[in-house]
């Protein structure tokens, strides 16, 4: 997979996105019956849904980019260590 920091970052961002969606659903569920009769509220709700969807797509793009960068860095590190012996940094 990747370094633990990358995995934790993806989990953290996913948890935030899930929390936002859950809280939005909870708020809409409580106000749903009385507010959905108002056309302006329906328009606002639709804009909010589009915004949450856009955020979810951006989070996924960020996650994919982070996975790709991590993969490249780990491959470069493997090639560097396989091609040459790194000097020891222990004091003598």
C-alpha atoms as a PDB file:
ATOM      1  CA  UNK A   1       0.000   0.000   0.000  1.00  0.00           C
ATOM      2  CA  UNK A   2       1.948   3.036   1.093  1.00  0.00           C
ATOM      3  CA  UNK A   3       3.491   4.637   4.113  1.00  0.00           C
ATOM      4  CA  UNK A   4       1.292   4.723   7.187  1.00  0.00           C
ATOM      5  CA  UNK A   5       1.036   8.520   6.930  1.00  0.00           C
ATOM      6  CA  UNK A   6      -0.516   8.281   3.463  1.00  0.00           C
ATOM      7  CA  UNK A   7      -3.020   5.688   4.596  1.00  0.00           C
ATOM      8  CA  UNK A   8      -3.915   7.734   7.658  1.00  0.00           C
ATOM      9  CA  UNK A   9      -4.349  10.817   5.486  1.00  0.00           C
ATOM     10  CA  UNK A  10      -6.782   9.041   3.180  1.00  0.00           C
ATOM     11  CA  UNK A  11      -8.717   7.640   6.134  1.00  0.00           C
ATOM     12  CA  UNK A  12      -8.860  11.058   7.789  1.00  0.00           C
ATOM     13  CA  UNK A  13     -10.122  12.844   4.663  1.00  0.00           C
ATOM     14  CA  UNK A  14     -12.671  10.093   4.015  1.00  0.00           C
ATOM     15  CA  UNK A  15     -13.915  10.330   7.606  1.00  0.00           C
ATOM     16  CA  UNK A  16     -14.381  14.083   7.260  1.00  0.00           C
ATOM     17  CA  UNK A  17     -16.329  13.677   4.010  1.00  0.00           C
ATOM     18  CA  UNK A  18     -18.504  10.966   5.576  1.00  0.00           C
ATOM     19  CA  UNK A  19     -19.186  13.169   8.597  1.00  0.00           C
ATOM     20  CA  UNK A  20     -20.226  16.091   6.404  1.00  0.00           C
ATOM     21  CA  UNK A  21     -22.623  13.921   4.429  1.00  0.00           C
ATOM     22  CA  UNK A  22     -24.062  12.342   7.593  1.00  0.00           C
ATOM     23  CA  UNK A  23     -24.637  15.668   9.330  1.00  0.00           C
ATOM     24  CA  UNK A  24     -26.236  17.092   6.187  1.00  0.00           C
ATOM     25  CA  UNK A  25     -28.604  14.128   5.951  1.00  0.00           C
ATOM     26  CA  UNK A  26     -29.459  14.458   9.644  1.00  0.00           C
ATOM     27  CA  UNK A  27     -30.253  18.167   9.336  1.00  0.00           C
ATOM     28  CA  UNK A  28     -32.282  17.685   6.179  1.00  0.00           C
ATOM     29  CA  UNK A  29     -34.124  14.754   7.755  1.00  0.00           C
ATOM     30  CA  UNK A  30     -35.235  16.846  10.728  1.00  0.00           C
ATOM     31  CA  UNK A  31     -36.352  19.785   8.636  1.00  0.00           C
ATOM     32  CA  UNK A  32     -37.375  17.758   5.615  1.00  0.00           C
ATOM     33  CA  UNK A  33     -41.163  17.752   5.765  1.00  0.00           C
ATOM     34  CA  UNK A  34     -41.649  21.420   6.538  1.00  0.00           C
ATOM     35  CA  UNK A  35     -38.831  22.878   4.412  1.00  0.00           C
ATOM     36  CA  UNK A  36     -39.221  20.831   1.230  1.00  0.00           C
ATOM     37  CA  UNK A  37     -42.608  22.430   0.540  1.00  0.00           C
ATOM     38  CA  UNK A  38     -40.754  25.736  -0.021  1.00  0.00           C
ATOM     39  CA  UNK A  39     -39.340  25.899  -3.587  1.00  0.00           C
ATOM     40  CA  UNK A  40     -36.392  28.047  -2.476  1.00  0.00           C
ATOM     41  CA  UNK A  41     -35.421  25.431   0.099  1.00  0.00           C
ATOM     42  CA  UNK A  42     -35.552  22.703  -2.545  1.00  0.00           C
ATOM     43  CA  UNK A  43     -33.212  24.726  -4.761  1.00  0.00           C
ATOM     44  CA  UNK A  44     -30.825  25.331  -1.859  1.00  0.00           C
ATOM     45  CA  UNK A  45     -30.890  21.637  -0.975  1.00  0.00           C
ATOM     46  CA  UNK A  46     -30.073  20.687  -4.546  1.00  0.00           C
ATOM     47  CA  UNK A  47     -27.146  23.131  -4.602  1.00  0.00           C
ATOM     48  CA  UNK A  48     -25.909  21.652  -1.317  1.00  0.00           C
ATOM     49  CA  UNK A  49     -26.114  18.134  -2.742  1.00  0.00           C
ATOM     50  CA  UNK A  50     -24.122  19.194  -5.800  1.00  0.00           C
ATOM     51  CA  UNK A  51     -21.526  20.857  -3.580  1.00  0.00           C
ATOM     52  CA  UNK A  52     -21.124  17.727  -1.434  1.00  0.00           C
ATOM     53  CA  UNK A  53     -20.795  15.590  -4.564  1.00  0.00           C
ATOM     54  CA  UNK A  54     -18.147  17.940  -5.940  1.00  0.00           C
ATOM     55  CA  UNK A  55     -16.242  17.806  -2.650  1.00  0.00           C
ATOM     56  CA  UNK A  56     -16.373  14.005  -2.669  1.00  0.00           C
ATOM     57  CA  UNK A  57     -14.960  13.917  -6.212  1.00  0.00           C
ATOM     58  CA  UNK A  58     -12.150  16.306  -5.292  1.00  0.00           C
ATOM     59  CA  UNK A  59     -11.282  14.254  -2.201  1.00  0.00           C
ATOM     60  CA  UNK A  60     -11.096  11.152  -4.380  1.00  0.00           C
ATOM     61  CA  UNK A  61      -8.822  12.956  -6.860  1.00  0.00           C
ATOM     62  CA  UNK A  62      -6.564  14.096  -4.025  1.00  0.00           C
ATOM     63  CA  UNK A  63      -6.417  10.546  -2.676  1.00  0.00           C
ATOM     64  CA  UNK A  64      -5.523   9.136  -6.091  1.00  0.00           C
ATOM     65  CA  UNK A  65      -2.800  11.749  -6.531  1.00  0.00           C
ATOM     66  CA  UNK A  66      -1.379  10.972  -3.122  1.00  0.00           C
ATOM     67  CA  UNK A  67      -1.344   7.237  -3.870  1.00  0.00           C
ATOM     68  CA  UNK A  68       0.369   7.876  -7.209  1.00  0.00           C
ATOM     69  CA  UNK A  69       3.021  10.141  -5.686  1.00  0.00           C
ATOM     70  CA  UNK A  70       3.672   7.651  -2.887  1.00  0.00           C
ATOM     71  CA  UNK A  71       4.043   4.842  -5.405  1.00  0.00           C
ATOM     72  CA  UNK A  72       6.530   6.857  -7.480  1.00  0.00           C
ATOM     73  CA  UNK A  73       8.589   7.795  -4.434  1.00  0.00           C
ATOM     74  CA  UNK A  74       8.731   4.220  -3.169  1.00  0.00           C
ATOM     75  CA  UNK A  75       9.756   2.937  -6.621  1.00  0.00           C
ATOM     76  CA  UNK A  76      12.508   5.555  -6.858  1.00  0.00           C
ATOM     77  CA  UNK A  77      13.762   4.637  -3.401  1.00  0.00           C
ATOM     78  CA  UNK A  78      13.835   0.941  -4.336  1.00  0.00           C
ATOM     79  CA  UNK A  79      15.749   1.648  -7.551  1.00  0.00           C
ATOM     80  CA  UNK A  80      18.221   3.871  -5.745  1.00  0.00           C
ATOM     81  CA  UNK A  81      18.943   1.277  -3.050  1.00  0.00           C
ATOM     82  CA  UNK A  82      19.118  -1.577  -5.567  1.00  0.00           C
ATOM     83  CA  UNK A  83      21.504   0.291  -7.904  1.00  0.00           C
ATOM     84  CA  UNK A  84      24.026   1.513  -5.370  1.00  0.00           C
ATOM     85  CA  UNK A  85      25.013   0.975  -1.806  1.00  0.00           C
ATOM     86  CA  UNK A  86      24.157   3.965   0.308  1.00  0.00           C
ATOM     87  CA  UNK A  87      27.022   5.206   2.473  1.00  0.00           C
ATOM     88  CA  UNK A  88      26.742   4.543   6.151  1.00  0.00           C
ATOM     89  CA  UNK A  89      25.952   7.573   8.274  1.00  0.00           C
ATOM     90  CA  UNK A  90      27.193   6.146  11.502  1.00  0.00           C
ATOM     91  CA  UNK A  91      29.855   8.209  13.231  1.00  0.00           C
ATOM     92  CA  UNK A  92      33.319   6.684  13.390  1.00  0.00           C
END
